[in-house]
Amino acid sequence: MSERQGSGGHAPPLAGAALRARARRLCRARAAVSCRWRGGGLSSIFIGMPQPQEADDPGRVWIFSAIFGLVAGLCCLTPIVLVLLGVATISAANSLGNVLYGEYRWAFRAAALASLVAAIVVHFRRRGVCTLDEARRRRNAILNFSVLALILGIGIYIFWTYIILHYWGIAVGLPWSGYDESWATPAAILAFSSALVVYLARRFSAHRHEAVRSRP
């Protein structure tokens, strides 16, 4: 019985510590070799299964930017929803909208920015950026992704709040026709154009570094 207990019991403390140390080394190595930098640009290394590249993830950028724009525009969406649901009169909804936009619009914008930052943090943590050292190594990818999402989010915010919600509010009877929002269309076009330029620059940089890496 003593031999059976010895062979089927717990592993010695040293063996358990060695297994834990090996697991930690494998985890760090897997996160470290997922991406590397050459000349300030991102050069992806695929190990095992192919991994998504931050430069080729426009869907996530659109989602995060849309969250930013929608949250920032809640101050103008709220009175429209109240009128559509029939829980507030036109006068009451307009007064509430004036308070929300006039006094709290920067609070909504700050909440939108916080939502964008949180989404970007979760996005990169799922891609192996779990430490400050890893974030420093991949700072260009994080910075480029964040700048693109922010510029696109500003464009969505302007288009959503000052064009769609403006005319939607007028359609439901809110007295918003007196506000001059003619600046919103060129401002939104400028923001979307800037986001397109940043995206194309990131794509060009990624293809250039891929071509350099594939040279014999």
Protein backbone atom coordinates (compact mmCIF):
# COMPACT_ATOMS: atom_id res chain seq x y z
CA MET A 1 0.00 0.00 0.00
CA SER A 2 2.86 2.38 0.73
CA GLU A 3 4.26 1.85 -2.81
CA ARG A 4 0.79 2.47 -4.37
CA GLN A 5 0.43 5.70 -2.44
CA GLY A 6 3.89 6.81 -3.47
CA SER A 7 3.23 6.20 -7.17
CA GLY A 8 -0.32 7.64 -7.28
CA GLY A 9 0.08 10.53 -4.81
CA HIS A 10 0.82 14.19 -5.44
CA ALA A 11 3.85 15.23 -7.46
CA PRO A 12 6.87 16.40 -5.43
CA PRO A 13 6.96 20.15 -4.75
CA LEU A 14 9.97 20.64 -7.02
CA ALA A 15 8.25 18.93 -9.95
CA GLY A 16 5.13 21.06 -9.48
CA ALA A 17 7.19 24.25 -9.40
CA ALA A 18 9.04 23.19 -12.56
CA LEU A 19 5.75 22.59 -14.38
CA ARG A 20 4.42 26.00 -13.35
CA ALA A 21 7.64 27.71 -14.44
CA ARG A 22 7.49 25.92 -17.78
CA ALA A 23 3.86 27.02 -18.29
CA ARG A 24 4.78 30.63 -17.55
CA ARG A 25 7.68 30.49 -20.03
CA LEU A 26 5.45 29.07 -22.74
CA CYS A 27 2.82 31.78 -22.13
CA ARG A 28 5.40 34.57 -22.31
CA ALA A 29 7.00 33.09 -25.42
CA ARG A 30 3.64 32.76 -27.18
CA ALA A 31 2.81 36.41 -26.53
CA ALA A 32 6.32 37.61 -27.38
CA VAL A 33 6.59 35.96 -30.81
CA SER A 34 3.10 36.92 -31.96
CA CYS A 35 4.40 40.28 -33.29
CA ARG A 36 7.74 42.04 -33.64
CA TRP A 37 8.92 45.42 -34.85
CA ARG A 38 11.33 46.20 -37.67
CA GLY A 39 12.28 49.76 -38.32
CA GLY A 40 9.33 51.06 -36.29
CA GLY A 41 6.77 49.06 -38.30
CA LEU A 42 4.86 45.92 -37.54
CA SER A 43 6.07 42.61 -38.95
CA SER A 44 3.76 39.75 -38.07
CA ILE A 45 5.07 36.26 -37.45
CA PHE A 46 2.60 33.42 -37.74
CA ILE A 47 3.05 30.44 -35.48
CA GLY A 48 0.67 27.56 -35.71
CA MET A 49 -2.70 29.04 -36.64
CA PRO A 50 -2.81 32.38 -38.49
CA GLN A 51 -3.41 35.36 -36.25
CA PRO A 52 -5.34 38.52 -37.16
CA GLN A 53 -3.31 41.66 -37.82
CA GLU A 54 -4.31 44.95 -36.28
CA ALA A 55 -3.69 46.70 -39.61
CA ASP A 56 -6.19 44.43 -41.36
CA ASP A 57 -9.07 44.70 -38.91
CA PRO A 58 -11.33 47.46 -40.27
CA GLY A 59 -14.44 45.79 -38.87
CA ARG A 60 -13.30 46.35 -35.30
CA VAL A 61 -12.39 49.95 -36.05
CA TRP A 62 -15.89 50.62 -37.41
CA ILE A 63 -17.53 48.98 -34.38
CA PHE A 64 -15.46 50.91 -31.85
CA SER A 65 -15.90 54.18 -33.72
CA ALA A 66 -19.66 53.64 -33.97
CA ILE A 67 -19.81 53.08 -30.20
CA PHE A 68 -17.96 56.36 -29.69
CA GLY A 69 -20.27 58.28 -32.00
CA LEU A 70 -23.49 56.81 -30.62
CA VAL A 71 -22.58 57.33 -26.96
CA ALA A 72 -21.44 60.92 -27.59
CA GLY A 73 -24.74 61.68 -29.34
CA LEU A 74 -27.02 60.33 -26.62
CA CYS A 75 -27.69 63.86 -25.38
CA CYS A 76 -29.55 64.61 -28.62
CA LEU A 77 -31.06 61.16 -29.07
CA THR A 78 -32.78 61.17 -25.66
CA PRO A 79 -35.42 63.87 -26.38
CA ILE A 80 -36.27 62.24 -29.71
CA VAL A 81 -36.84 58.88 -28.04
CA LEU A 82 -39.00 60.48 -25.34
CA VAL A 83 -41.20 62.11 -27.97
CA LEU A 84 -41.48 58.91 -30.00
CA LEU A 85 -42.46 56.92 -26.91
CA GLY A 86 -45.03 59.52 -25.95
CA VAL A 87 -43.67 59.99 -22.43
CA ALA A 88 -42.82 63.68 -22.91
CA THR A 89 -44.33 66.61 -24.73
CA ILE A 90 -42.43 68.50 -27.41
CA SER A 91 -41.79 71.36 -25.01
CA ALA A 92 -40.55 69.11 -22.19
CA ALA A 93 -38.35 67.05 -24.52
CA ASN A 94 -36.86 70.19 -26.04
CA SER A 95 -36.10 71.60 -22.58
CA LEU A 96 -34.43 68.36 -21.57
CA GLY A 97 -32.43 68.33 -24.77
CA ASN A 98 -31.24 71.87 -24.13
CA VAL A 99 -30.05 70.85 -20.66
CA LEU A 100 -28.36 67.64 -21.81
CA TYR A 101 -26.59 69.27 -24.73
CA GLY A 102 -25.95 72.65 -23.17
CA GLU A 103 -24.59 71.48 -19.82
CA TYR A 104 -23.62 67.84 -20.19
CA ARG A 105 -22.46 67.38 -23.78
CA TRP A 106 -18.83 67.16 -22.68
CA ALA A 107 -19.80 64.52 -20.13
CA PHE A 108 -21.31 62.45 -22.94
CA ARG A 109 -18.19 62.98 -25.03
CA ALA A 110 -16.00 61.93 -22.12
CA ALA A 111 -18.11 58.80 -21.65
CA ALA A 112 -17.76 58.07 -25.36
CA LEU A 113 -13.99 58.46 -25.16
CA ALA A 114 -13.85 56.18 -22.12
CA SER A 115 -15.90 53.57 -23.99
CA LEU A 116 -13.52 53.76 -26.95
CA VAL A 117 -10.45 53.38 -24.73
CA ALA A 118 -11.98 50.41 -22.92
CA ALA A 119 -12.87 48.72 -26.21
CA ILE A 120 -9.33 49.21 -27.56
CA VAL A 121 -7.79 47.84 -24.34
CA VAL A 122 -9.94 44.70 -24.51
CA HIS A 123 -9.19 44.38 -28.23
CA PHE A 124 -5.42 44.29 -27.73
CA ARG A 125 -5.53 42.22 -24.56
CA ARG A 126 -7.22 39.49 -26.60
CA ARG A 127 -4.26 39.70 -28.97
CA GLY A 128 -1.62 39.09 -26.34
CA VAL A 129 -0.93 42.63 -25.11
CA CYS A 130 -1.32 41.93 -21.41
CA THR A 131 1.71 43.74 -19.97
CA LEU A 132 3.24 47.20 -20.26
CA ASP A 133 6.36 45.74 -21.85
CA GLU A 134 4.28 44.10 -24.59
CA ALA A 135 2.35 47.36 -25.07
CA ARG A 136 5.64 49.23 -25.53
CA ARG A 137 6.83 46.70 -28.10
CA ARG A 138 3.60 47.09 -30.07
CA ARG A 139 3.04 50.77 -29.39
CA ASN A 140 2.95 51.70 -33.09
CA ALA A 141 0.15 49.25 -33.83
CA ILE A 142 -1.80 50.40 -30.76
CA LEU A 143 -1.27 54.07 -31.57
CA ASN A 144 -2.22 53.70 -35.24
CA PHE A 145 -5.31 51.68 -34.43
CA SER A 146 -6.38 54.16 -31.75
CA VAL A 147 -5.86 57.23 -33.94
CA LEU A 148 -7.84 55.68 -36.78
CA ALA A 149 -10.70 54.68 -34.47
CA LEU A 150 -10.80 58.14 -32.89
CA ILE A 151 -10.82 60.06 -36.19
CA LEU A 152 -13.48 57.77 -37.63
CA GLY A 153 -15.46 58.06 -34.39
CA ILE A 154 -15.41 61.85 -34.60
CA GLY A 155 -16.75 61.64 -38.14
CA ILE A 156 -19.52 59.28 -37.08
CA TYR A 157 -20.36 61.52 -34.12
CA ILE A 158 -20.69 64.62 -36.30
CA PHE A 159 -22.71 62.80 -38.95
CA TRP A 160 -24.97 61.08 -36.41
CA THR A 161 -25.55 63.98 -34.03
CA TYR A 162 -25.57 67.07 -36.21
CA ILE A 163 -27.09 65.64 -39.38
CA ILE A 164 -29.19 62.53 -38.70
CA LEU A 165 -30.44 63.45 -35.23
CA HIS A 166 -30.85 67.10 -36.17
CA TYR A 167 -33.24 66.39 -39.03
CA TRP A 168 -34.85 63.48 -37.17
CA GLY A 169 -35.66 65.85 -34.29
CA ILE A 170 -37.18 68.34 -36.71
CA ALA A 171 -39.26 65.54 -38.25
CA VAL A 172 -40.77 64.57 -34.87
CA GLY A 173 -41.65 68.20 -34.11
CA LEU A 174 -38.73 69.47 -32.03
CA PRO A 175 -37.91 73.14 -32.72
CA TRP A 176 -34.39 72.48 -33.96
CA SER A 177 -34.77 74.07 -37.38
CA GLY A 178 -33.38 77.32 -36.01
CA TYR A 179 -29.96 75.75 -35.40
CA ASP A 180 -27.52 76.19 -38.26
CA GLU A 181 -25.78 72.84 -38.74
CA SER A 182 -24.51 73.54 -42.25
CA TRP A 183 -20.95 73.06 -41.01
CA ALA A 184 -21.61 69.43 -40.10
CA THR A 185 -21.56 67.97 -43.62
CA PRO A 186 -18.12 69.30 -44.66
CA ALA A 187 -16.76 68.51 -41.18
CA ALA A 188 -17.97 64.91 -41.40
CA ILE A 189 -16.53 64.56 -44.92
CA LEU A 190 -13.20 65.91 -43.68
CA ALA A 191 -13.14 63.46 -40.76
CA PHE A 192 -14.04 60.47 -42.96
CA SER A 193 -11.44 61.51 -45.54
CA SER A 194 -8.78 61.81 -42.84
CA ALA A 195 -9.69 58.36 -41.51
CA LEU A 196 -9.41 56.94 -45.04
CA VAL A 197 -5.97 58.49 -45.48
CA VAL A 198 -4.78 57.03 -42.16
CA TYR A 199 -6.18 53.61 -43.06
CA LEU A 200 -4.54 53.58 -46.51
CA ALA A 201 -1.23 54.71 -44.98
CA ARG A 202 -1.39 51.84 -42.49
CA ARG A 203 -2.17 49.37 -45.27
CA PHE A 204 0.70 50.69 -47.37
CA SER A 205 3.09 50.44 -44.43
CA ALA A 206 1.99 46.88 -43.68
CA HIS A 207 2.45 45.79 -47.31
CA ARG A 208 5.82 47.50 -47.51
CA HIS A 209 7.15 45.74 -44.42
CA GLU A 210 5.72 42.45 -45.68
CA ALA A 211 7.57 42.93 -48.99
CA VAL A 212 10.82 43.74 -47.17
CA ARG A 213 10.43 40.70 -44.93
CA SER A 214 9.77 38.37 -47.86
CA ARG A 215 12.89 39.37 -49.78
CA PRO A 216 15.46 36.55 -50.12
